[in-house]
N, C-alpha and C. Protein backbone atom coordinates (compact mmCIF):
# COMPACT_ATOMS: atom_id res chain seq x y z
N MET A 1 17.16 17.14 -10.58
CA MET A 1 16.16 16.83 -9.20
C MET A 1 14.86 15.55 -9.60
N PHE A 2 14.78 15.01 -11.06
CA PHE A 2 14.09 13.66 -11.22
C PHE A 2 15.30 12.75 -10.84
N ASN A 3 15.21 12.25 -9.91
CA ASN A 3 16.11 10.61 -9.19
C ASN A 3 14.89 9.53 -9.56
N VAL A 4 15.41 8.76 -11.35
CA VAL A 4 14.53 7.71 -11.57
C VAL A 4 14.33 7.02 -11.04
N ASP A 5 15.76 6.47 -10.21
CA ASP A 5 15.43 4.92 -9.22
C ASP A 5 14.93 5.24 -7.95
N LEU A 6 14.79 6.23 -7.51
CA LEU A 6 13.82 6.66 -6.23
C LEU A 6 12.48 6.60 -6.46
N LEU A 7 12.30 7.31 -7.95
CA LEU A 7 10.78 7.08 -8.17
C LEU A 7 10.14 5.26 -8.66
N ILE A 8 11.26 4.68 -9.15
CA ILE A 8 10.79 3.42 -9.50
C ILE A 8 10.69 2.89 -8.54
N ASN A 9 11.45 2.90 -7.31
CA ASN A 9 11.34 1.93 -6.35
C ASN A 9 10.40 2.49 -5.32
N ALA A 10 9.97 3.89 -5.30
CA ALA A 10 8.50 4.36 -4.59
C ALA A 10 7.46 3.57 -5.41
N LEU A 11 7.58 3.66 -6.93
CA LEU A 11 6.26 3.04 -7.28
C LEU A 11 6.31 1.58 -7.14
N THR A 12 7.38 0.80 -6.93
CA THR A 12 7.57 -0.14 -6.53
C THR A 12 7.02 -0.97 -5.06
N THR A 13 7.34 -0.16 -4.48
CA THR A 13 6.93 -0.23 -3.16
C THR A 13 5.44 -0.31 -2.84
N LEU A 14 4.85 0.77 -3.62
CA LEU A 14 3.55 1.18 -3.11
C LEU A 14 2.50 0.05 -3.55
N LEU A 15 3.02 -0.63 -5.17
CA LEU A 15 2.08 -1.33 -5.68
C LEU A 15 2.12 -2.62 -4.99
N VAL A 16 2.92 -3.07 -4.47
CA VAL A 16 3.50 -4.50 -3.73
C VAL A 16 3.02 -4.09 -2.74
N THR A 17 2.96 -3.25 -1.97
CA THR A 17 1.88 -2.67 -0.61
C THR A 17 0.55 -2.68 -0.97
N LEU A 18 0.06 -2.16 -2.22
CA LEU A 18 -1.44 -1.98 -2.37
C LEU A 18 -1.37 -3.81 -2.63
N ASP A 19 -0.96 -4.47 -3.54
CA ASP A 19 -1.30 -5.82 -4.03
C ASP A 19 -2.75 -5.47 -4.69
N PRO A 20 -2.58 -4.77 -6.25
CA PRO A 20 -4.10 -4.74 -6.78
C PRO A 20 -4.68 -6.08 -7.12
N PRO A 21 -3.83 -6.92 -7.66
CA PRO A 21 -4.59 -8.36 -8.25
C PRO A 21 -5.01 -9.12 -6.85
N GLY A 22 -4.35 -8.99 -5.52
CA GLY A 22 -4.76 -9.87 -4.76
C GLY A 22 -6.17 -9.02 -3.98
N LEU A 23 -6.28 -7.54 -4.19
CA LEU A 23 -7.56 -6.93 -3.63
C LEU A 23 -8.58 -7.24 -4.59
N ALA A 24 -8.76 -7.66 -5.62
CA ALA A 24 -9.57 -7.66 -6.91
C ALA A 24 -10.64 -8.81 -6.53
N PRO A 25 -10.36 -9.80 -5.96
CA PRO A 25 -11.53 -10.75 -5.43
C PRO A 25 -11.93 -10.57 -4.50
N ILE A 26 -11.57 -9.63 -3.56
CA ILE A 26 -11.94 -9.85 -2.24
C ILE A 26 -12.79 -8.32 -2.55
N PHE A 27 -12.55 -7.51 -3.37
CA PHE A 27 -13.49 -6.08 -4.00
C PHE A 27 -14.62 -6.55 -4.63
N LEU A 28 -14.48 -8.01 -5.19
CA LEU A 28 -15.65 -8.90 -5.34
C LEU A 28 -16.95 -9.29 -4.71
N SER A 29 -15.64 -10.12 -3.63
CA SER A 29 -16.76 -10.54 -2.37
C SER A 29 -17.22 -9.13 -1.63
N LEU A 30 -16.88 -7.81 -1.55
CA LEU A 30 -17.69 -7.12 -1.14
C LEU A 30 -18.77 -6.52 -1.96
N THR A 31 -18.73 -6.98 -3.09
CA THR A 31 -19.67 -5.67 -3.86
C THR A 31 -20.94 -6.85 -4.84
N VAL A 32 -20.87 -8.05 -4.08
CA VAL A 32 -21.78 -9.04 -4.44
C VAL A 32 -23.18 -8.64 -4.64
N GLY A 33 -23.66 -8.45 -5.96
CA GLY A 33 -25.09 -8.11 -5.90
C GLY A 33 -25.38 -6.97 -6.61
N LEU A 34 -24.06 -5.92 -6.44
CA LEU A 34 -24.14 -4.41 -7.04
C LEU A 34 -23.79 -5.04 -8.70
N SER A 35 -24.51 -4.11 -9.18
CA SER A 35 -24.18 -3.60 -10.88
C SER A 35 -22.89 -3.22 -11.23
N ARG A 36 -22.73 -3.60 -12.40
CA ARG A 36 -21.36 -2.74 -12.73
C ARG A 36 -21.22 -1.79 -12.69
N GLN A 37 -22.14 -0.57 -12.86
CA GLN A 37 -22.25 0.69 -12.61
C GLN A 37 -22.05 1.02 -11.03
N GLU A 38 -23.00 0.52 -10.34
CA GLU A 38 -22.18 0.37 -8.78
C GLU A 38 -21.09 0.08 -8.16
N ARG A 39 -21.02 -1.14 -8.71
CA ARG A 39 -19.14 -1.34 -8.91
C ARG A 39 -18.08 0.10 -8.93
N PHE A 40 -18.29 0.16 -10.27
CA PHE A 40 -17.26 1.42 -10.85
C PHE A 40 -17.90 2.78 -9.74
N GLN A 41 -18.69 3.21 -8.93
CA GLN A 41 -19.11 3.86 -8.17
C GLN A 41 -18.36 3.64 -6.79
N VAL A 42 -18.25 2.51 -6.57
CA VAL A 42 -17.54 1.90 -5.16
C VAL A 42 -15.97 2.18 -5.35
N ALA A 43 -15.87 1.46 -6.77
CA ALA A 43 -14.06 1.78 -6.82
C ALA A 43 -13.65 2.73 -7.05
N THR A 44 -13.97 3.77 -7.89
CA THR A 44 -14.27 5.42 -7.56
C THR A 44 -13.63 6.16 -6.09
N ARG A 45 -14.94 5.94 -5.72
CA ARG A 45 -14.83 6.64 -4.22
C ARG A 45 -13.58 6.08 -3.35
N GLY A 46 -13.66 4.82 -3.51
CA GLY A 46 -12.76 4.11 -2.52
C GLY A 46 -11.21 5.05 -2.89
N SER A 47 -11.34 4.29 -4.09
CA SER A 47 -9.82 5.20 -4.50
C SER A 47 -9.23 6.19 -4.44
N LEU A 48 -10.30 7.10 -4.58
CA LEU A 48 -10.34 8.67 -4.45
C LEU A 48 -10.01 8.61 -2.92
N ILE A 49 -10.86 8.16 -2.14
CA ILE A 49 -10.35 8.49 -0.38
C ILE A 49 -8.90 7.88 0.07
N ALA A 50 -8.67 6.75 -0.33
CA ALA A 50 -7.31 6.30 -0.03
C ALA A 50 -6.37 7.00 -0.72
N PHE A 51 -6.47 7.80 -1.69
CA PHE A 51 -5.48 8.44 -2.22
C PHE A 51 -5.37 9.55 -1.60
N PHE A 52 -6.24 10.34 -1.01
CA PHE A 52 -6.38 11.78 -0.32
C PHE A 52 -5.71 10.98 1.14
N ILE A 53 -5.91 9.97 1.56
CA ILE A 53 -5.60 9.70 3.09
C ILE A 53 -3.82 9.55 3.00
N LEU A 54 -3.46 8.52 1.80
CA LEU A 54 -2.22 8.58 1.96
C LEU A 54 -1.16 9.69 1.17
N ALA A 55 -2.07 10.73 0.49
CA ALA A 55 -1.12 11.71 0.04
C ALA A 55 -1.01 12.88 1.49
N ALA A 56 -2.09 12.94 2.02
CA ALA A 56 -1.43 13.64 3.41
C ALA A 56 -0.54 13.00 4.47
N PHE A 57 -0.71 11.74 4.22
CA PHE A 57 0.63 11.89 4.90
C PHE A 57 1.79 11.31 4.09
N ALA A 58 2.07 11.49 3.08
CA ALA A 58 2.82 11.72 2.39
C ALA A 58 3.39 13.26 2.44
N LEU A 59 2.70 14.39 2.66
CA LEU A 59 3.11 15.31 2.85
C LEU A 59 3.29 16.04 4.35
N PHE A 60 2.41 15.10 5.13
CA PHE A 60 2.55 15.97 6.77
C PHE A 60 3.20 14.42 7.90
N GLY A 61 3.58 13.19 7.16
CA GLY A 61 3.66 12.06 7.92
C GLY A 61 5.17 12.65 8.87
N ASP A 62 6.07 13.28 8.22
CA ASP A 62 7.42 13.39 8.86
C ASP A 62 7.35 14.57 9.52
N GLY A 63 5.96 15.33 9.70
CA GLY A 63 6.02 16.64 10.31
C GLY A 63 5.16 15.73 11.95
N ILE A 64 4.31 15.27 11.24
CA ILE A 64 3.42 14.37 12.71
C ILE A 64 4.82 13.61 13.79
N LEU A 65 5.93 12.77 12.92
CA LEU A 65 6.82 12.03 13.33
C LEU A 65 7.56 13.24 13.83
N GLY A 66 7.86 14.44 13.56
CA GLY A 66 8.78 15.61 14.76
C GLY A 66 7.86 15.90 15.96
N LEU A 67 6.79 16.15 15.66
CA LEU A 67 5.67 16.70 16.83
C LEU A 67 5.77 15.40 17.87
N LEU A 68 6.35 14.58 17.49
CA LEU A 68 6.13 13.19 18.29
C LEU A 68 7.52 12.73 18.92
N GLY A 69 8.64 13.78 18.41
CA GLY A 69 9.34 13.32 18.50
C GLY A 69 10.24 11.87 18.32
N ILE A 70 9.81 11.42 17.23
CA ILE A 70 10.56 10.08 16.55
C ILE A 70 11.23 10.17 15.25
N SER A 71 12.38 9.80 15.35
CA SER A 71 13.25 10.28 14.23
C SER A 71 12.58 9.41 12.95
N ILE A 72 13.62 9.98 11.81
CA ILE A 72 13.04 9.49 10.72
C ILE A 72 13.84 7.99 10.28
N GLY A 73 15.10 7.66 10.70
CA GLY A 73 15.66 6.39 11.18
C GLY A 73 15.07 5.62 11.93
N ALA A 74 14.64 6.25 13.34
CA ALA A 74 13.40 5.14 14.07
C ALA A 74 12.18 4.83 13.42
N PHE A 75 11.51 5.29 12.36
CA PHE A 75 10.58 5.18 11.60
C PHE A 75 10.88 4.06 10.47
N ARG A 76 12.00 4.54 9.92
CA ARG A 76 12.57 3.61 9.11
C ARG A 76 12.17 1.90 9.29
N ILE A 77 13.14 2.27 10.54
CA ILE A 77 13.26 0.64 10.95
C ILE A 77 12.04 0.36 11.61
N ALA A 78 11.34 1.15 12.27
CA ALA A 78 9.87 0.36 12.47
C ALA A 78 8.91 0.11 11.46
N GLY A 79 8.82 1.08 10.10
CA GLY A 79 8.24 0.74 9.12
C GLY A 79 8.69 -0.56 8.54
N GLY A 80 9.73 -0.66 8.37
CA GLY A 80 10.68 -1.74 7.33
C GLY A 80 10.07 -3.24 8.14
N LEU A 81 9.83 -2.85 9.48
CA LEU A 81 9.74 -4.49 9.98
C LEU A 81 8.45 -4.54 9.67
N LEU A 82 7.48 -3.41 10.09
CA LEU A 82 5.99 -3.63 9.82
C LEU A 82 5.87 -4.13 8.56
N LEU A 83 6.42 -3.57 7.38
CA LEU A 83 6.13 -4.11 6.14
C LEU A 83 6.85 -5.63 5.83
N PHE A 84 7.66 -5.75 6.64
CA PHE A 84 8.44 -6.65 6.49
C PHE A 84 7.24 -8.11 7.35
N TRP A 85 6.83 -8.07 7.93
CA TRP A 85 6.00 -8.46 8.58
C TRP A 85 4.34 -9.13 7.48
N ILE A 86 4.09 -7.65 6.89
CA ILE A 86 3.37 -7.77 6.10
C ILE A 86 3.65 -8.86 4.51
N SER A 87 4.86 -8.73 4.13
CA SER A 87 5.37 -9.68 3.13
C SER A 87 5.13 -11.02 3.54
N PHE A 88 5.45 -11.18 5.23
CA PHE A 88 5.82 -12.65 5.80
C PHE A 88 4.38 -13.10 5.57
N GLU A 89 3.07 -12.29 5.84
CA GLU A 89 1.86 -12.81 5.78
C GLU A 89 1.17 -12.97 4.32
N MET A 90 1.93 -12.07 3.22
CA MET A 90 1.81 -12.41 1.62
C MET A 90 2.19 -13.84 1.24
N ILE A 91 3.38 -14.32 1.95
CA ILE A 91 3.84 -15.33 1.50
C ILE A 91 3.49 -16.43 2.02
N PHE A 92 2.36 -16.39 3.49
CA PHE A 92 1.95 -17.38 3.71
C PHE A 92 0.75 -17.51 4.15
N GLU A 93 0.13 -16.27 2.95
CA GLU A 93 -1.47 -16.19 2.74
C GLU A 93 -2.25 -15.46 3.82
N ARG A 94 -1.57 -15.45 4.54
CA ARG A 94 -2.37 -15.05 6.27
C ARG A 94 -3.25 -13.41 5.93
N ARG A 95 -2.19 -12.54 5.38
CA ARG A 95 -2.92 -11.08 4.75
C ARG A 95 -4.18 -11.15 3.85
N GLN A 96 -4.29 -12.23 3.18
CA GLN A 96 -5.31 -12.71 2.15
C GLN A 96 -6.45 -12.81 2.65
N GLU A 97 -6.40 -14.20 3.81
CA GLU A 97 -7.37 -14.56 4.69
C GLU A 97 -8.10 -13.27 5.66
N ARG A 98 -6.72 -12.15 6.27
CA ARG A 98 -7.42 -11.37 7.05
C ARG A 98 -8.19 -10.34 6.42
N LYS A 99 -7.51 -9.93 5.02
CA LYS A 99 -8.15 -9.12 4.38
C LYS A 99 -9.90 -9.53 4.08
N GLU A 100 -9.85 -11.15 4.02
CA GLU A 100 -11.33 -11.72 3.36
C GLU A 100 -12.11 -11.48 4.78
N LYS A 101 -11.71 -11.82 6.03
CA LYS A 101 -12.36 -11.74 7.04
C LYS A 101 -12.71 -10.06 7.63
N THR A 102 -11.91 -9.52 6.81
CA THR A 102 -12.34 -8.02 7.43
C THR A 102 -13.67 -7.58 6.54
N GLY A 103 -13.72 -8.10 5.29
CA GLY A 103 -14.40 -7.87 4.23
C GLY A 103 -15.95 -8.38 4.37
N GLU A 104 -15.99 -9.58 5.28
CA GLU A 104 -17.13 -10.34 5.62
C GLU A 104 -17.77 -9.62 6.79
N THR A 105 -17.15 -9.12 7.40
CA THR A 105 -17.60 -8.48 8.66
C THR A 105 -17.91 -7.34 8.74
N ALA A 106 -17.46 -6.42 7.15
CA ALA A 106 -17.95 -5.56 6.96
C ALA A 106 -19.76 -5.37 6.08
N VAL A 107 -19.51 -6.39 5.45
CA VAL A 107 -21.02 -6.49 4.74
C VAL A 107 -22.00 -6.86 5.98
N THR A 108 -21.72 -7.78 7.43
CA THR A 108 -22.96 -7.66 7.79
C THR A 108 -22.97 -6.33 8.46
N LYS A 109 -21.64 -5.31 8.94
CA LYS A 109 -22.53 -4.34 10.07
C LYS A 109 -22.85 -3.15 9.20
N ASP A 110 -22.44 -3.16 8.24
CA ASP A 110 -22.53 -1.50 7.47
C ASP A 110 -22.75 -1.87 6.06
N HIS A 111 -23.82 -0.61 6.04
CA HIS A 111 -24.98 -0.39 4.51
C HIS A 111 -23.70 -0.94 3.79
N ILE A 112 -24.20 -1.40 2.43
CA ILE A 112 -23.57 -1.38 1.50
C ILE A 112 -23.24 -0.07 0.66
N HIS A 113 -23.76 0.73 0.93
CA HIS A 113 -23.40 2.16 -0.01
C HIS A 113 -21.90 2.72 0.97
N ASN A 114 -21.92 2.33 2.24
CA ASN A 114 -20.60 2.74 3.03
C ASN A 114 -19.26 1.81 2.52
N ILE A 115 -19.24 0.87 1.74
CA ILE A 115 -18.13 0.10 1.79
C ILE A 115 -17.21 0.48 1.15
N ALA A 116 -17.47 1.80 0.37
CA ALA A 116 -16.30 2.59 -0.38
C ALA A 116 -15.17 3.19 0.51
N VAL A 117 -15.98 3.36 1.69
CA VAL A 117 -14.79 4.32 2.59
C VAL A 117 -14.67 2.88 4.14
N PHE A 118 -15.24 2.00 4.37
CA PHE A 118 -15.15 0.94 5.20
C PHE A 118 -15.75 -0.41 4.67
N PRO A 119 -14.97 -1.42 4.28
CA PRO A 119 -13.54 -1.68 4.46
C PRO A 119 -12.25 -1.46 3.46
N LEU A 120 -13.06 -0.71 2.23
CA LEU A 120 -12.17 -0.80 0.87
C LEU A 120 -11.23 0.38 1.02
N ALA A 121 -11.52 1.72 1.43
CA ALA A 121 -10.45 2.74 1.08
C ALA A 121 -9.36 2.22 2.83
N LEU A 122 -10.12 2.33 3.64
CA LEU A 122 -9.85 1.74 4.88
C LEU A 122 -10.83 0.54 5.73
N PRO A 123 -9.64 -0.53 5.86
CA PRO A 123 -8.53 -0.34 6.06
C PRO A 123 -7.73 -1.46 4.80
N LEU A 124 -8.70 -1.28 3.67
CA LEU A 124 -7.79 -2.36 2.80
C LEU A 124 -6.94 -2.18 1.71
N ILE A 125 -7.29 -0.33 1.41
CA ILE A 125 -6.26 -0.30 0.34
C ILE A 125 -5.54 1.44 1.35
N ALA A 126 -5.89 1.89 1.87
CA ALA A 126 -4.98 2.71 2.57
C ALA A 126 -4.50 1.93 4.27
N GLY A 127 -4.43 0.98 4.11
CA GLY A 127 -4.09 0.42 5.42
C GLY A 127 -2.56 0.59 6.23
N PRO A 128 -2.41 0.01 7.44
CA PRO A 128 -1.05 0.15 8.01
C PRO A 128 0.15 0.40 7.41
N GLY A 129 0.25 -1.00 6.35
CA GLY A 129 1.32 -1.04 5.60
C GLY A 129 1.84 0.04 4.31
N ALA A 130 0.42 0.78 3.87
CA ALA A 130 0.80 1.29 2.29
C ALA A 130 0.87 3.16 3.57
N ILE A 131 0.12 3.32 4.33
CA ILE A 131 0.74 4.85 5.03
C ILE A 131 1.96 4.42 5.64
N SER A 132 2.12 3.32 6.14
CA SER A 132 4.22 3.36 7.23
C SER A 132 4.81 3.45 5.72
N ALA A 133 4.26 2.83 4.38
CA ALA A 133 5.24 3.15 3.41
C ALA A 133 5.15 4.04 2.81
N THR A 134 4.29 5.04 2.81
CA THR A 134 4.12 6.41 2.09
C THR A 134 4.79 7.47 3.10
N ILE A 135 4.50 6.93 4.08
CA ILE A 135 5.80 8.01 5.53
C ILE A 135 7.02 7.81 5.23
N LEU A 136 7.59 6.33 4.96
CA LEU A 136 8.68 6.25 4.83
C LEU A 136 9.03 6.68 3.08
N LEU A 137 8.71 6.83 2.48
CA LEU A 137 8.78 7.11 1.02
C LEU A 137 9.09 8.69 1.36
N GLY A 138 8.19 9.26 1.78
CA GLY A 138 8.20 10.70 1.89
C GLY A 138 9.76 11.19 2.74
N SER A 139 10.00 11.04 3.45
CA SER A 139 11.45 11.06 3.73
C SER A 139 12.36 11.18 2.74
N SER A 140 12.23 10.20 1.83
CA SER A 140 13.35 10.52 0.96
C SER A 140 13.06 11.18 0.00
N PHE A 141 11.93 11.96 -0.13
CA PHE A 141 11.27 13.38 -1.05
C PHE A 141 11.12 14.18 -0.37
N PRO A 142 12.56 14.88 -0.10
CA PRO A 142 12.20 16.51 1.31
C PRO A 142 12.11 17.44 0.53
N SER A 143 12.00 18.03 -0.46
CA SER A 143 11.98 19.31 -1.39
C SER A 143 10.31 19.31 -1.86
N VAL A 144 9.70 20.26 -2.06
CA VAL A 144 8.76 20.62 -2.68
C VAL A 144 8.04 19.89 -3.89
N LEU A 145 9.35 20.22 -5.05
CA LEU A 145 9.23 19.30 -6.17
C LEU A 145 9.26 18.11 -6.25
N GLU A 146 9.98 17.29 -5.08
CA GLU A 146 9.90 15.88 -4.98
C GLU A 146 8.83 15.31 -4.53
N ARG A 147 7.98 16.11 -3.40
CA ARG A 147 6.84 15.52 -2.61
C ARG A 147 5.98 15.61 -4.19
N VAL A 148 5.92 16.45 -4.94
CA VAL A 148 5.04 16.74 -5.91
C VAL A 148 5.06 15.08 -6.99
N GLN A 149 6.41 14.79 -6.89
CA GLN A 149 6.82 13.75 -7.93
C GLN A 149 6.09 12.68 -7.11
N LEU A 150 6.26 12.79 -5.46
CA LEU A 150 5.68 11.36 -5.18
C LEU A 150 4.17 11.45 -5.15
N LEU A 151 3.66 12.34 -4.77
CA LEU A 151 1.87 12.20 -5.36
C LEU A 151 1.69 11.86 -6.29
N VAL A 152 2.45 12.30 -7.62
CA VAL A 152 2.04 11.74 -8.74
C VAL A 152 2.54 9.90 -8.76
N VAL A 153 3.59 9.77 -8.00
CA VAL A 153 3.78 8.02 -7.58
C VAL A 153 2.74 7.86 -7.32
N ILE A 154 2.06 8.11 -6.14
CA ILE A 154 0.71 7.53 -5.33
C ILE A 154 -0.30 7.47 -6.23
N ALA A 155 -0.73 8.64 -7.11
CA ALA A 155 -1.86 8.45 -8.46
C ALA A 155 -1.54 7.87 -9.31
N ALA A 156 -0.63 7.44 -9.67
CA ALA A 156 -0.43 6.36 -10.79
C ALA A 156 -0.43 5.06 -10.08
N SER A 157 -0.02 4.78 -8.79
CA SER A 157 -0.43 3.54 -7.85
C SER A 157 -1.70 3.55 -7.98
N MET A 158 -2.29 4.39 -7.46
CA MET A 158 -3.76 4.30 -6.75
C MET A 158 -5.23 4.12 -8.36
N ALA A 159 -3.90 4.73 -9.52
CA ALA A 159 -5.00 4.70 -10.84
C ALA A 159 -4.55 2.95 -11.28
N SER A 160 -3.60 2.53 -10.88
CA SER A 160 -3.23 0.88 -11.20
C SER A 160 -4.42 0.32 -10.33
N LEU A 161 -4.36 0.01 -8.90
CA LEU A 161 -5.27 0.07 -8.34
C LEU A 161 -6.66 -0.12 -8.66
N PHE A 162 -7.43 1.35 -8.97
CA PHE A 162 -9.16 1.68 -9.53
C PHE A 162 -8.47 0.75 -10.82
N LEU A 163 -8.18 0.47 -11.61
CA LEU A 163 -8.19 -0.46 -12.95
C LEU A 163 -8.39 -1.85 -12.64
N ALA A 164 -7.36 -2.41 -11.34
CA ALA A 164 -7.66 -3.50 -11.30
C ALA A 164 -9.27 -3.96 -10.69
N LEU A 165 -9.43 -3.20 -9.92
CA LEU A 165 -11.17 -3.07 -9.28
C LEU A 165 -11.72 -3.18 -10.24
N VAL A 166 -11.75 -2.26 -11.18
CA VAL A 166 -12.77 -1.90 -12.46
C VAL A 166 -12.88 -3.68 -13.46
N ILE A 167 -11.78 -4.05 -13.33
CA ILE A 167 -11.75 -5.62 -14.09
C ILE A 167 -11.67 -6.29 -13.24
N ALA A 168 -11.72 -6.14 -11.82
CA ALA A 168 -11.28 -7.23 -10.94
C ALA A 168 -12.08 -8.91 -11.38
N ASP A 169 -13.23 -8.95 -11.99
CA ASP A 169 -13.83 -10.00 -12.31
C ASP A 169 -13.09 -10.89 -13.36
N ARG A 170 -12.10 -10.02 -14.71
CA ARG A 170 -11.77 -10.54 -15.27
C ARG A 170 -10.53 -11.01 -14.93
N ILE A 171 -9.70 -9.85 -13.92
CA ILE A 171 -8.66 -10.47 -13.29
C ILE A 171 -8.55 -11.68 -12.45
N ASP A 172 -9.48 -12.02 -11.59
CA ASP A 172 -9.84 -13.25 -10.99
C ASP A 172 -10.06 -14.25 -11.87
N ARG A 173 -10.93 -14.01 -12.82
CA ARG A 173 -10.84 -15.68 -14.07
C ARG A 173 -9.70 -15.69 -14.38
N PHE A 174 -9.19 -14.66 -14.51
CA PHE A 174 -7.47 -15.17 -15.24
C PHE A 174 -6.49 -15.37 -14.67
N LEU A 175 -6.61 -15.29 -13.25
CA LEU A 175 -5.24 -15.47 -12.50
C LEU A 175 -6.00 -17.06 -11.88
N GLY A 176 -7.30 -17.16 -11.41
CA GLY A 176 -7.58 -18.41 -10.54
C GLY A 176 -6.88 -18.57 -9.41
N VAL A 177 -7.38 -19.47 -8.51
CA VAL A 177 -6.46 -19.64 -7.23
C VAL A 177 -5.46 -19.99 -7.12
N THR A 178 -5.10 -20.76 -8.23
CA THR A 178 -3.12 -20.94 -8.70
C THR A 178 -2.47 -20.15 -8.51
N GLY A 179 -2.94 -19.02 -9.75
CA GLY A 179 -2.34 -17.55 -10.25
C GLY A 179 -2.46 -16.94 -8.98
N ARG A 180 -3.06 -16.71 -8.31
CA ARG A 180 -3.15 -15.75 -7.27
C ARG A 180 -2.15 -15.90 -6.12
N ALA A 181 -2.43 -16.79 -5.48
CA ALA A 181 -1.19 -17.79 -4.66
C ALA A 181 0.06 -17.62 -5.16
N ILE A 182 0.40 -17.66 -6.58
CA ILE A 182 1.87 -17.74 -7.12
C ILE A 182 2.32 -16.08 -7.38
N LEU A 183 1.53 -15.36 -7.29
CA LEU A 183 1.71 -14.15 -7.59
C LEU A 183 1.88 -13.17 -5.66
N THR A 184 0.79 -13.70 -5.16
CA THR A 184 0.76 -13.11 -4.17
C THR A 184 2.31 -13.24 -3.09
N ARG A 185 2.96 -14.44 -3.73
CA ARG A 185 4.02 -15.10 -2.96
C ARG A 185 5.20 -13.88 -3.47
N LEU A 186 5.32 -14.28 -5.02
CA LEU A 186 6.23 -13.19 -5.67
C LEU A 186 6.40 -12.00 -5.34
N LEU A 187 5.25 -11.40 -4.82
CA LEU A 187 5.31 -9.71 -4.60
C LEU A 187 5.69 -9.45 -2.88
N GLY A 188 5.11 -11.10 -2.05
CA GLY A 188 5.42 -10.63 -0.99
C GLY A 188 7.04 -10.96 -0.65
N VAL A 189 8.01 -11.88 -1.68
CA VAL A 189 9.36 -11.80 -1.68
C VAL A 189 10.08 -10.66 -2.02
N ILE A 190 9.40 -9.61 -2.99
CA ILE A 190 9.89 -8.44 -3.45
C ILE A 190 9.67 -7.19 -2.50
N LEU A 191 8.33 -7.50 -1.80
CA LEU A 191 8.00 -6.24 -0.70
C LEU A 191 9.32 -6.75 0.47
N ALA A 192 9.60 -8.46 0.99
CA ALA A 192 10.45 -8.56 2.08
C ALA A 192 11.72 -7.86 1.96
N ALA A 193 12.38 -8.14 0.33
CA ALA A 193 13.47 -6.90 -0.13
C ALA A 193 13.35 -5.78 0.35
N LEU A 194 12.12 -5.10 -0.15
CA LEU A 194 12.21 -3.66 0.13
C LEU A 194 12.26 -3.30 1.88
N ALA A 195 11.72 -4.09 2.34
CA ALA A 195 11.34 -3.74 3.72
C ALA A 195 12.87 -4.07 4.79
N VAL A 196 13.59 -5.10 4.00
CA VAL A 196 14.64 -5.17 4.56
C VAL A 196 15.56 -3.89 4.51
N GLN A 197 15.56 -3.59 2.87
CA GLN A 197 16.52 -2.39 2.90
C GLN A 197 16.26 -1.05 3.28
N PHE A 198 14.47 -0.83 3.90
CA PHE A 198 14.30 0.37 4.52
C PHE A 198 14.97 0.14 6.01
N VAL A 199 14.96 -0.96 6.62
CA VAL A 199 15.57 -1.07 7.83
C VAL A 199 17.06 -0.87 7.80
N ILE A 200 17.83 -1.46 6.58
CA ILE A 200 19.25 -0.63 6.73
C ILE A 200 19.44 0.69 6.31
N ASP A 201 18.13 1.10 5.51
CA ASP A 201 18.36 2.94 5.92
C ASP A 201 18.31 3.49 7.07
N GLY A 202 17.39 3.04 7.50
CA GLY A 202 16.92 3.20 9.11
C GLY A 202 18.04 3.71 9.84
N VAL A 203 18.97 2.30 10.03
CA VAL A 203 19.55 1.55 10.89
C VAL A 203 21.18 2.90 10.81
N ARG A 204 21.17 2.96 9.31
CA ARG A 204 22.24 4.16 8.94
C ARG A 204 22.08 5.61 9.40
N SER A 205 20.75 6.06 9.28
CA SER A 205 20.33 7.34 9.33
C SER A 205 20.53 7.34 10.66
N ALA A 206 19.98 6.37 11.45
CA ALA A 206 19.92 6.46 13.14
C ALA A 206 20.72 6.73 13.81
N PHE A 207 22.37 5.96 13.37
CA PHE A 207 23.41 5.85 14.09
C PHE A 207 24.73 6.88 13.12
N GLN A 208 24.20 7.11 11.85
CA GLN A 208 24.71 8.07 11.04
C GLN A 208 25.78 6.98 10.22
N ILE A 209 25.77 6.47 9.70
CA ILE A 209 26.87 5.01 9.40
C ILE A 209 26.99 5.47 8.14
N PRO A 210 28.09 6.16 7.66
CA PRO A 210 28.64 6.15 5.94
C PRO A 210 27.95 5.19 5.48
N VAL A 211 27.76 5.35 3.99
CA VAL A 211 27.20 4.25 2.79
C VAL A 211 27.94 3.15 2.74
N GLN A 212 29.55 3.89 2.87
CA GLN A 212 30.63 2.78 2.33
C GLN A 212 31.09 1.88 3.41
N SER A 213 30.53 2.21 4.82
CA SER A 213 30.76 1.27 6.01
C SER A 213 29.63 0.01 5.98
N LEU A 214 28.57 0.18 5.03
CA LEU A 214 27.70 -1.12 5.04
C LEU A 214 27.93 -1.76 4.34
N GLY A 215 28.68 -1.24 2.69
CA GLY A 215 28.75 -1.43 1.68
C GLY A 215 29.86 -2.90 1.45
């Protein structure tokens, strides 16, 4: 019942999509002027809200797709393409620029105490890429026990993200501009490979192609 390779793949996909090191400096810019305790509260609330959002899509995402008449194969292809575009943005640093603009807009329009909800939980943490990845992963964990395993993986990913937010100032100083650029591009390449695999699995599922035919 425990597929270690599948669990590792799910954890890698979520961590790369969430990009904790890349989110750390943006979190610092969102919480300028807040004390360490207030930043801790914002990080806690934002991470919990994002966890429940992703958990809901992990549990009920395929049911929603069924109501809409969308096959898992079709969604894997679409989700894989979306994740590939996100990886493209990561490699060319366009995703980081977009996130920074989202953060700047939020600070001017929303009260500082609401940043845990917007833009931190939505859309910086539980954004389109993370939601798509969660639904895609949910289709690979069909049974109740496997869904529980997926929730544990999501919780572990969110715990890693929460830790990155708590020590965001240290991560930012350690990586620096060059380190963040290298790490973001490396994660982008990994996500691109995972996205292509999602598309391959989607094509295989949609057209009912045996595994050996694509090998």
